[in-house]
Amino acid sequence: MEKLKLPVVKGRTPKSKRLSMDDYLKFVYLNLKYTLDRKANRKSKRQAAVNVPFIF
């Protein structure tokens, strides 16, 4: 197994900011707004759908 060379943090780490649920929801919507490709998503849904009748 290869040895990993992980960074060593020296000194104090910055304080993390805690988000309220409202702020987190705004963050998620903003992220989806700019990263979601709706055309590609619709196309993949159409390709995955079964459009042939089942025969028993």
PDB file of N, CA and C in Angstrom:
ATOM      1  N   MET A   1       0.844  -1.182   0.000  1.00  0.00           N
ATOM      2  CA  MET A   1       0.000   0.000   0.000  1.00  0.00           C
ATOM      3  C   MET A   1       0.883   1.237   0.000  1.00  0.00           C
ATOM      4  N   GLU A   2       0.539   2.194  -0.831  1.00  0.00           N
ATOM      5  CA  GLU A   2       1.315   3.421  -0.889  1.00  0.00           C
ATOM      6  C   GLU A   2       1.084   4.259   0.359  1.00  0.00           C
ATOM      7  N   LYS A   3       2.119   4.981   0.745  1.00  0.00           N
ATOM      8  CA  LYS A   3       1.958   5.869   1.891  1.00  0.00           C
ATOM      9  C   LYS A   3       1.393   7.193   1.396  1.00  0.00           C
ATOM     10  N   LEU A   4       0.398   7.675   2.101  1.00  0.00           N
ATOM     11  CA  LEU A   4      -0.218   8.944   1.743  1.00  0.00           C
ATOM     12  C   LEU A   4       0.586  10.093   2.323  1.00  0.00           C
ATOM     13  N   LYS A   5       0.695  11.140   1.576  1.00  0.00           N
ATOM     14  CA  LYS A   5       1.363  12.338   2.060  1.00  0.00           C
ATOM     15  C   LYS A   5       0.299  13.403   2.279  1.00  0.00           C
ATOM     16  N   LEU A   6      -0.271  13.405   3.457  1.00  0.00           N
ATOM     17  CA  LEU A   6      -1.317  14.349   3.790  1.00  0.00           C
ATOM     18  C   LEU A   6      -0.711  15.633   4.337  1.00  0.00           C
ATOM     19  N   PRO A   7      -1.374  16.754   4.133  1.00  0.00           N
ATOM     20  CA  PRO A   7      -0.846  18.012   4.655  1.00  0.00           C
ATOM     21  C   PRO A   7      -0.914  18.032   6.181  1.00  0.00           C
ATOM     22  N   VAL A   8       0.059  18.649   6.780  1.00  0.00           N
ATOM     23  CA  VAL A   8       0.104  18.796   8.227  1.00  0.00           C
ATOM     24  C   VAL A   8      -0.282  20.235   8.549  1.00  0.00           C
ATOM     25  N   VAL A   9      -1.329  20.384   9.327  1.00  0.00           N
ATOM     26  CA  VAL A   9      -1.804  21.719   9.686  1.00  0.00           C
ATOM     27  C   VAL A   9      -1.008  22.192  10.884  1.00  0.00           C
ATOM     28  N   LYS A  10      -0.363  23.323  10.729  1.00  0.00           N
ATOM     29  CA  LYS A  10       0.402  23.896  11.834  1.00  0.00           C
ATOM     30  C   LYS A  10      -0.275  25.177  12.274  1.00  0.00           C
ATOM     31  N   GLY A  11      -0.325  25.396  13.534  1.00  0.00           N
ATOM     32  CA  GLY A  11      -0.960  26.597  14.051  1.00  0.00           C
ATOM     33  C   GLY A  11      -2.445  26.375  14.282  1.00  0.00           C
ATOM     34  N   ARG A  12      -3.148  27.462  14.519  1.00  0.00           N
ATOM     35  CA  ARG A  12      -4.566  27.378  14.829  1.00  0.00           C
ATOM     36  C   ARG A  12      -5.384  27.282  13.540  1.00  0.00           C
ATOM     37  N   THR A  13      -6.424  26.487  13.603  1.00  0.00           N
ATOM     38  CA  THR A  13      -7.331  26.388  12.464  1.00  0.00           C
ATOM     39  C   THR A  13      -8.366  27.501  12.571  1.00  0.00           C
ATOM     40  N   PRO A  14      -8.846  28.001  11.455  1.00  0.00           N
ATOM     41  CA  PRO A  14      -9.857  29.058  11.518  1.00  0.00           C
ATOM     42  C   PRO A  14     -11.157  28.532  12.105  1.00  0.00           C
ATOM     43  N   LYS A  15     -11.873  29.405  12.819  1.00  0.00           N
ATOM     44  CA  LYS A  15     -13.145  28.991  13.401  1.00  0.00           C
ATOM     45  C   LYS A  15     -14.149  28.751  12.281  1.00  0.00           C
ATOM     46  N   SER A  16     -14.887  27.679  12.420  1.00  0.00           N
ATOM     47  CA  SER A  16     -15.881  27.371  11.398  1.00  0.00           C
ATOM     48  C   SER A  16     -17.179  28.111  11.718  1.00  0.00           C
ATOM     49  N   LYS A  17     -17.822  28.577  10.665  1.00  0.00           N
ATOM     50  CA  LYS A  17     -19.076  29.287  10.830  1.00  0.00           C
ATOM     51  C   LYS A  17     -20.207  28.276  10.728  1.00  0.00           C
ATOM     52  N   ARG A  18     -21.117  28.313  11.658  1.00  0.00           N
ATOM     53  CA  ARG A  18     -22.260  27.412  11.623  1.00  0.00           C
ATOM     54  C   ARG A  18     -23.418  28.120  10.941  1.00  0.00           C
ATOM     55  N   LEU A  19     -24.043  27.416  10.018  1.00  0.00           N
ATOM     56  CA  LEU A  19     -25.160  27.992   9.280  1.00  0.00           C
ATOM     57  C   LEU A  19     -26.482  27.601   9.929  1.00  0.00           C
ATOM     58  N   SER A  20     -27.413  28.535   9.896  1.00  0.00           N
ATOM     59  CA  SER A  20     -28.767  28.194  10.321  1.00  0.00           C
ATOM     60  C   SER A  20     -29.406  27.372   9.202  1.00  0.00           C
ATOM     61  N   MET A  21     -30.538  26.762   9.480  1.00  0.00           N
ATOM     62  CA  MET A  21     -31.204  25.959   8.456  1.00  0.00           C
ATOM     63  C   MET A  21     -31.648  26.835   7.286  1.00  0.00           C
ATOM     64  N   ASP A  22     -32.066  28.057   7.561  1.00  0.00           N
ATOM     65  CA  ASP A  22     -32.470  28.965   6.478  1.00  0.00           C
ATOM     66  C   ASP A  22     -31.278  29.303   5.588  1.00  0.00           C
ATOM     67  N   ASP A  23     -30.134  29.596   6.207  1.00  0.00           N
ATOM     68  CA  ASP A  23     -28.937  29.903   5.428  1.00  0.00           C
ATOM     69  C   ASP A  23     -28.467  28.693   4.634  1.00  0.00           C
ATOM     70  N   TYR A  24     -28.567  27.514   5.245  1.00  0.00           N
ATOM     71  CA  TYR A  24     -28.163  26.289   4.550  1.00  0.00           C
ATOM     72  C   TYR A  24     -29.068  26.030   3.347  1.00  0.00           C
ATOM     73  N   LEU A  25     -30.372  26.263   3.514  1.00  0.00           N
ATOM     74  CA  LEU A  25     -31.305  26.067   2.419  1.00  0.00           C
ATOM     75  C   LEU A  25     -31.017  27.044   1.281  1.00  0.00           C
ATOM     76  N   LYS A  26     -30.700  28.292   1.609  1.00  0.00           N
ATOM     77  CA  LYS A  26     -30.317  29.273   0.589  1.00  0.00           C
ATOM     78  C   LYS A  26     -29.068  28.815  -0.157  1.00  0.00           C
ATOM     79  N   PHE A  27     -28.093  28.278   0.581  1.00  0.00           N
ATOM     80  CA  PHE A  27     -26.864  27.771  -0.019  1.00  0.00           C
ATOM     81  C   PHE A  27     -27.156  26.627  -0.983  1.00  0.00           C
ATOM     82  N   VAL A  28     -28.017  25.705  -0.585  1.00  0.00           N
ATOM     83  CA  VAL A  28     -28.342  24.555  -1.426  1.00  0.00           C
ATOM     84  C   VAL A  28     -29.052  25.009  -2.699  1.00  0.00           C
ATOM     85  N   TYR A  29     -30.021  25.916  -2.569  1.00  0.00           N
ATOM     86  CA  TYR A  29     -30.731  26.421  -3.753  1.00  0.00           C
ATOM     87  C   TYR A  29     -29.786  27.163  -4.688  1.00  0.00           C
ATOM     88  N   LEU A  30     -28.898  27.953  -4.138  1.00  0.00           N
ATOM     89  CA  LEU A  30     -27.932  28.679  -4.959  1.00  0.00           C
ATOM     90  C   LEU A  30     -27.018  27.705  -5.699  1.00  0.00           C
ATOM     91  N   ASN A  31     -26.580  26.664  -5.000  1.00  0.00           N
ATOM     92  CA  ASN A  31     -25.716  25.657  -5.607  1.00  0.00           C
ATOM     93  C   ASN A  31     -26.441  24.929  -6.735  1.00  0.00           C
ATOM     94  N   LEU A  32     -27.688  24.548  -6.498  1.00  0.00           N
ATOM     95  CA  LEU A  32     -28.453  23.854  -7.532  1.00  0.00           C
ATOM     96  C   LEU A  32     -28.723  24.756  -8.725  1.00  0.00           C
ATOM     97  N   LYS A  33     -28.933  26.032  -8.464  1.00  0.00           N
ATOM     98  CA  LYS A  33     -29.240  26.972  -9.540  1.00  0.00           C
ATOM     99  C   LYS A  33     -28.100  27.064 -10.547  1.00  0.00           C
ATOM    100  N   TYR A  34     -26.870  27.017 -10.069  1.00  0.00           N
ATOM    101  CA  TYR A  34     -25.730  27.212 -10.953  1.00  0.00           C
ATOM    102  C   TYR A  34     -25.004  25.930 -11.347  1.00  0.00           C
ATOM    103  N   THR A  35     -25.361  24.784 -10.757  1.00  0.00           N
ATOM    104  CA  THR A  35     -24.658  23.550 -11.100  1.00  0.00           C
ATOM    105  C   THR A  35     -25.550  22.522 -11.784  1.00  0.00           C
ATOM    106  N   LEU A  36     -26.864  22.670 -11.694  1.00  0.00           N
ATOM    107  CA  LEU A  36     -27.776  21.688 -12.261  1.00  0.00           C
ATOM    108  C   LEU A  36     -28.010  21.991 -13.733  1.00  0.00           C
ATOM    109  N   ASP A  37     -27.799  20.997 -14.568  1.00  0.00           N
ATOM    110  CA  ASP A  37     -28.072  21.129 -15.998  1.00  0.00           C
ATOM    111  C   ASP A  37     -29.417  20.465 -16.265  1.00  0.00           C
ATOM    112  N   ARG A  38     -30.459  21.277 -16.350  1.00  0.00           N
ATOM    113  CA  ARG A  38     -31.818  20.740 -16.466  1.00  0.00           C
ATOM    114  C   ARG A  38     -32.046  19.991 -17.765  1.00  0.00           C
ATOM    115  N   LYS A  39     -31.482  20.460 -18.862  1.00  0.00           N
ATOM    116  CA  LYS A  39     -31.673  19.770 -20.139  1.00  0.00           C
ATOM    117  C   LYS A  39     -31.061  18.369 -20.087  1.00  0.00           C
ATOM    118  N   ALA A  40     -29.861  18.267 -19.552  1.00  0.00           N
ATOM    119  CA  ALA A  40     -29.205  16.961 -19.457  1.00  0.00           C
ATOM    120  C   ALA A  40     -29.964  16.051 -18.495  1.00  0.00           C
ATOM    121  N   ASN A  41     -30.499  16.625 -17.421  1.00  0.00           N
ATOM    122  CA  ASN A  41     -31.251  15.835 -16.454  1.00  0.00           C
ATOM    123  C   ASN A  41     -32.525  15.278 -17.082  1.00  0.00           C
ATOM    124  N   ARG A  42     -33.266  16.114 -17.817  1.00  0.00           N
ATOM    125  CA  ARG A  42     -34.489  15.653 -18.481  1.00  0.00           C
ATOM    126  C   ARG A  42     -34.177  14.589 -19.534  1.00  0.00           C
ATOM    127  N   LYS A  43     -33.089  14.786 -20.275  1.00  0.00           N
ATOM    128  CA  LYS A  43     -32.714  13.827 -21.309  1.00  0.00           C
ATOM    129  C   LYS A  43     -32.391  12.463 -20.690  1.00  0.00           C
ATOM    130  N   SER A  44     -31.660  12.449 -19.582  1.00  0.00           N
ATOM    131  CA  SER A  44     -31.312  11.173 -18.957  1.00  0.00           C
ATOM    132  C   SER A  44     -32.544  10.495 -18.372  1.00  0.00           C
ATOM    133  N   LYS A  45     -33.501  11.269 -17.870  1.00  0.00           N
ATOM    134  CA  LYS A  45     -34.741  10.676 -17.357  1.00  0.00           C
ATOM    135  C   LYS A  45     -35.541  10.032 -18.492  1.00  0.00           C
ATOM    136  N   ARG A  46     -35.593  10.716 -19.638  1.00  0.00           N
ATOM    137  CA  ARG A  46     -36.313  10.156 -20.780  1.00  0.00           C
ATOM    138  C   ARG A  46     -35.653   8.873 -21.280  1.00  0.00           C
ATOM    139  N   GLN A  47     -34.338   8.838 -21.277  1.00  0.00           N
ATOM    140  CA  GLN A  47     -33.632   7.647 -21.749  1.00  0.00           C
ATOM    141  C   GLN A  47     -33.792   6.478 -20.784  1.00  0.00           C
ATOM    142  N   ALA A  48     -33.919   6.779 -19.493  1.00  0.00           N
ATOM    143  CA  ALA A  48     -34.034   5.717 -18.499  1.00  0.00           C
ATOM    144  C   ALA A  48     -35.454   5.170 -18.390  1.00  0.00           C
ATOM    145  N   ALA A  49     -36.435   5.920 -18.885  1.00  0.00           N
ATOM    146  CA  ALA A  49     -37.830   5.496 -18.768  1.00  0.00           C
ATOM    147  C   ALA A  49     -38.123   4.328 -19.712  1.00  0.00           C
ATOM    148  N   VAL A  50     -38.978   3.428 -19.259  1.00  0.00           N
ATOM    149  CA  VAL A  50     -39.396   2.293 -20.086  1.00  0.00           C
ATOM    150  C   VAL A  50     -40.570   2.751 -20.930  1.00  0.00           C
ATOM    151  N   ASN A  51     -40.433   2.683 -22.235  1.00  0.00           N
ATOM    152  CA  ASN A  51     -41.514   3.106 -23.115  1.00  0.00           C
ATOM    153  C   ASN A  51     -41.998   1.983 -24.021  1.00  0.00           C
ATOM    154  N   VAL A  52     -41.763   0.752 -23.585  1.00  0.00           N
ATOM    155  CA  VAL A  52     -42.205  -0.424 -24.328  1.00  0.00           C
ATOM    156  C   VAL A  52     -43.143  -1.210 -23.415  1.00  0.00           C
ATOM    157  N   PRO A  53     -44.303  -1.628 -23.916  1.00  0.00           N
ATOM    158  CA  PRO A  53     -45.235  -2.375 -23.068  1.00  0.00           C
ATOM    159  C   PRO A  53     -44.655  -3.756 -22.708  1.00  0.00           C
ATOM    160  N   PHE A  54     -44.987  -4.205 -21.512  1.00  0.00           N
ATOM    161  CA  PHE A  54     -44.560  -5.532 -21.056  1.00  0.00           C
ATOM    162  C   PHE A  54     -45.494  -6.590 -21.597  1.00  0.00           C
ATOM    163  N   ILE A  55     -44.948  -7.717 -21.988  1.00  0.00           N
ATOM    164  CA  ILE A  55     -45.757  -8.821 -22.491  1.00  0.00           C
ATOM    165  C   ILE A  55     -45.499 -10.024 -21.596  1.00  0.00           C
ATOM    166  N   PHE A  56     -46.598 -10.627 -21.115  1.00  0.00           N
ATOM    167  CA  PHE A  56     -46.452 -11.818 -20.268  1.00  0.00           C
ATOM    168  C   PHE A  56     -46.673 -13.060 -21.048  1.00  0.00           C
TER     169      PHE A  56
END
